[in-house]
Amino acid sequence: MKKSAFTLIELIFVIVIIGVLAAVAVPKFSHLSSNAKISSEMATAATVQSALDDIHAEWITAEGTFTWGNGNSIDCNNGSDALFDCDNGYPKKLGECAATNSQAFQYLLKNPAGVDAKWSCTANNDYHGPASSTNSGVGENGSDKPDSTDHWEYNDVNGTFILIEG
């Protein structure tokens, strides 16, 4: 009668194979969190730039009065106001960048709450997202992707929202 069981050698061999596979797989997954933060920030930046382009296009085609961003109305026949520059056709600021409880994109995006929770900004139009925040855990990557030494800058004269390498 033959017993069907694994020998100690076979078990050790299987454990070694699993260990080798784990050693190869773990580094592949170690940067998932950083990559997710970078992707999220890049997608939000693209959305912000798209919204700015849409607002500018609306300004070009409107004959004075129009609604832009998150339900903001402007009558350019009466000149610029605190939020919109009728000479250039772009918002003067994207949201309230207070020291506490920043609402980075409240004037621009229709539903900014989820995005604003992950972004911060300063009064001089410097923005930090999930990857470019100093405590993001994303190290210097030396590419055109955001990292903890970079920030985004909004230029209200030409309507650009670009990454500034730190």
Protein backbone atom coordinates (compact mmCIF):
# COMPACT_ATOMS: atom_id res chain seq x y z
CA MET A 1 0.00 0.00 0.00
CA LYS A 2 1.44 3.34 -1.09
CA LYS A 3 0.87 6.52 0.92
CA SER A 4 0.25 9.67 -1.05
CA ALA A 5 1.80 12.49 0.93
CA PHE A 6 4.32 15.21 0.25
CA THR A 7 7.87 14.67 1.34
CA LEU A 8 9.75 17.32 3.24
CA ILE A 9 11.91 18.02 0.18
CA GLU A 10 8.84 18.67 -1.99
CA LEU A 11 7.37 21.05 0.59
CA ILE A 12 10.64 23.00 0.87
CA PHE A 13 10.85 23.20 -2.92
CA VAL A 14 7.31 24.66 -3.12
CA ILE A 15 8.07 27.18 -0.36
CA VAL A 16 11.23 28.29 -2.18
CA ILE A 17 9.27 28.78 -5.42
CA ILE A 18 6.62 30.83 -3.60
CA GLY A 19 9.38 32.91 -1.98
CA VAL A 20 11.00 33.64 -5.36
CA LEU A 21 7.65 34.65 -6.85
CA ALA A 22 6.93 36.92 -3.88
CA ALA A 23 10.37 38.54 -4.17
CA VAL A 24 9.66 39.35 -7.81
CA ALA A 25 6.04 40.50 -7.27
CA VAL A 26 6.38 42.74 -4.19
CA PRO A 27 8.50 45.45 -5.88
CA LYS A 28 5.96 45.64 -8.69
CA PHE A 29 3.24 46.60 -6.22
CA SER A 30 5.26 48.86 -3.91
CA HIS A 31 4.68 52.01 -6.01
CA LEU A 32 0.94 51.54 -6.56
CA SER A 33 -0.02 54.17 -3.98
CA SER A 34 2.39 56.75 -5.42
CA ASN A 35 1.28 56.01 -8.97
CA ALA A 36 -2.38 56.37 -7.97
CA LYS A 37 -1.72 59.77 -6.38
CA ILE A 38 0.19 60.93 -9.46
CA SER A 39 -2.56 59.72 -11.80
CA SER A 40 -5.26 61.36 -9.70
CA GLU A 41 -3.41 64.67 -9.67
CA MET A 42 -2.71 64.57 -13.41
CA ALA A 43 -6.39 63.81 -14.14
CA THR A 44 -7.58 66.69 -11.94
CA ALA A 45 -5.10 69.08 -13.55
CA ALA A 46 -6.36 68.05 -17.00
CA THR A 47 -9.94 68.62 -15.84
CA VAL A 48 -9.07 72.07 -14.49
CA GLN A 49 -7.36 73.03 -17.76
CA SER A 50 -10.32 71.74 -19.75
CA ALA A 51 -12.72 73.77 -17.60
CA LEU A 52 -10.58 76.88 -18.14
CA ASP A 53 -10.62 76.29 -21.90
CA ASP A 54 -14.42 75.87 -21.82
CA ILE A 55 -14.83 79.10 -19.85
CA HIS A 56 -12.62 80.97 -22.28
CA ALA A 57 -14.55 79.59 -25.25
CA GLU A 58 -17.81 80.70 -23.61
CA TRP A 59 -16.32 84.17 -23.03
CA ILE A 60 -15.32 84.39 -26.70
CA THR A 61 -18.77 83.42 -27.99
CA ALA A 62 -20.85 85.27 -25.39
CA GLU A 63 -21.92 88.78 -26.03
CA GLY A 64 -21.26 90.16 -22.58
CA THR A 65 -23.35 88.14 -20.12
CA PHE A 66 -22.71 84.45 -19.48
CA THR A 67 -22.44 81.82 -16.77
CA TRP A 68 -19.09 80.19 -16.11
CA GLY A 69 -17.70 77.44 -13.90
CA ASN A 70 -19.78 76.49 -10.90
CA GLY A 71 -22.79 78.68 -11.71
CA ASN A 72 -20.98 82.02 -11.57
CA SER A 73 -22.54 84.74 -13.70
CA ILE A 74 -20.73 87.69 -15.20
CA ASP A 75 -21.82 90.64 -17.30
CA CYS A 76 -18.70 91.76 -19.16
CA ASN A 77 -20.63 94.74 -20.54
CA ASN A 78 -20.29 96.18 -17.04
CA GLY A 79 -16.57 95.29 -16.74
CA SER A 80 -14.68 92.74 -14.68
CA ASP A 81 -15.62 91.73 -11.16
CA ALA A 82 -13.71 90.19 -8.25
CA LEU A 83 -13.78 86.70 -9.78
CA PHE A 84 -13.55 87.18 -13.55
CA ASP A 85 -11.29 89.21 -15.81
CA CYS A 86 -13.33 90.40 -18.80
CA ASP A 87 -10.22 91.70 -20.57
CA ASN A 88 -8.52 88.28 -20.76
CA GLY A 89 -11.53 85.97 -20.49
CA TYR A 90 -10.34 83.89 -17.55
CA PRO A 91 -11.25 83.62 -13.86
CA LYS A 92 -9.04 85.70 -11.57
CA LYS A 93 -8.95 82.82 -9.13
CA LEU A 94 -10.22 79.25 -9.12
CA GLY A 95 -11.47 79.11 -5.54
CA GLU A 96 -10.90 80.35 -2.01
CA CYS A 97 -7.38 79.55 -0.89
CA ALA A 98 -7.73 80.26 2.81
CA ALA A 99 -5.18 79.07 5.36
CA THR A 100 -7.81 76.72 6.74
CA ASN A 101 -10.31 74.68 4.75
CA SER A 102 -9.07 75.54 1.25
CA GLN A 103 -11.64 75.24 -1.49
CA ALA A 104 -9.18 75.18 -4.36
CA PHE A 105 -11.63 74.81 -7.27
CA GLN A 106 -15.00 75.91 -5.89
CA TYR A 107 -15.47 78.59 -8.59
CA LEU A 108 -14.45 76.32 -11.43
CA LEU A 109 -15.70 72.75 -11.01
CA LYS A 110 -19.36 71.81 -10.74
CA ASN A 111 -18.72 69.32 -7.92
CA PRO A 112 -15.44 70.35 -6.27
CA ALA A 113 -15.95 68.81 -2.81
CA GLY A 114 -14.20 65.48 -3.46
CA VAL A 115 -11.33 67.14 -5.29
CA ASP A 116 -10.89 69.98 -2.79
CA ALA A 117 -10.41 67.49 0.03
CA LYS A 118 -7.20 66.31 -1.67
CA TRP A 119 -5.89 69.67 -2.91
CA SER A 120 -4.55 72.74 -1.14
CA CYS A 121 -3.70 76.16 -2.50
CA THR A 122 -2.17 79.46 -1.53
CA ALA A 123 -3.29 83.00 -2.26
CA ASN A 124 -0.54 83.35 -4.89
CA ASN A 125 -2.08 80.64 -7.12
CA ASP A 126 0.19 77.74 -6.08
CA TYR A 127 -1.69 74.45 -5.89
CA HIS A 128 -0.71 71.12 -4.36
CA GLY A 129 -2.54 67.88 -5.10
CA PRO A 130 -2.31 64.33 -3.74
CA ALA A 131 1.18 63.75 -5.22
CA SER A 132 2.70 67.23 -4.89
CA SER A 133 1.84 67.75 -1.24
CA THR A 134 4.89 67.66 0.99
CA ASN A 135 3.54 64.71 2.99
CA SER A 136 2.35 62.71 -0.04
CA GLY A 137 4.96 59.98 0.16
CA VAL A 138 5.77 60.53 -3.52
CA GLY A 139 9.50 61.09 -3.86
CA GLU A 140 11.40 63.07 -6.44
CA ASN A 141 10.85 61.31 -9.75
CA GLY A 142 12.63 63.71 -12.10
CA SER A 143 9.95 63.53 -14.77
CA ASP A 144 7.07 65.65 -15.96
CA LYS A 145 4.86 64.05 -13.33
CA PRO A 146 4.13 65.72 -9.99
CA ASP A 147 6.13 64.84 -6.90
CA SER A 148 6.57 66.25 -3.40
CA THR A 149 8.86 69.08 -4.57
CA ASP A 150 6.55 70.40 -7.31
CA HIS A 151 3.43 72.55 -7.41
CA TRP A 152 0.82 73.66 -9.93
CA GLU A 153 0.49 77.27 -10.93
CA TYR A 154 -2.55 79.05 -12.33
CA ASN A 155 -1.86 81.99 -14.64
CA ASP A 156 -5.02 84.10 -14.81
CA VAL A 157 -3.75 86.15 -17.75
CA ASN A 158 -3.48 83.29 -20.23
CA GLY A 159 -5.57 80.66 -18.44
CA THR A 160 -2.87 78.03 -17.96
CA PHE A 161 -2.69 75.52 -15.14
CA ILE A 162 0.80 74.04 -15.34
CA LEU A 163 3.18 71.96 -13.27
CA ILE A 164 6.17 73.84 -11.89
CA GLU A 165 9.15 71.61 -11.11
CA GLY A 166 10.51 72.26 -7.63
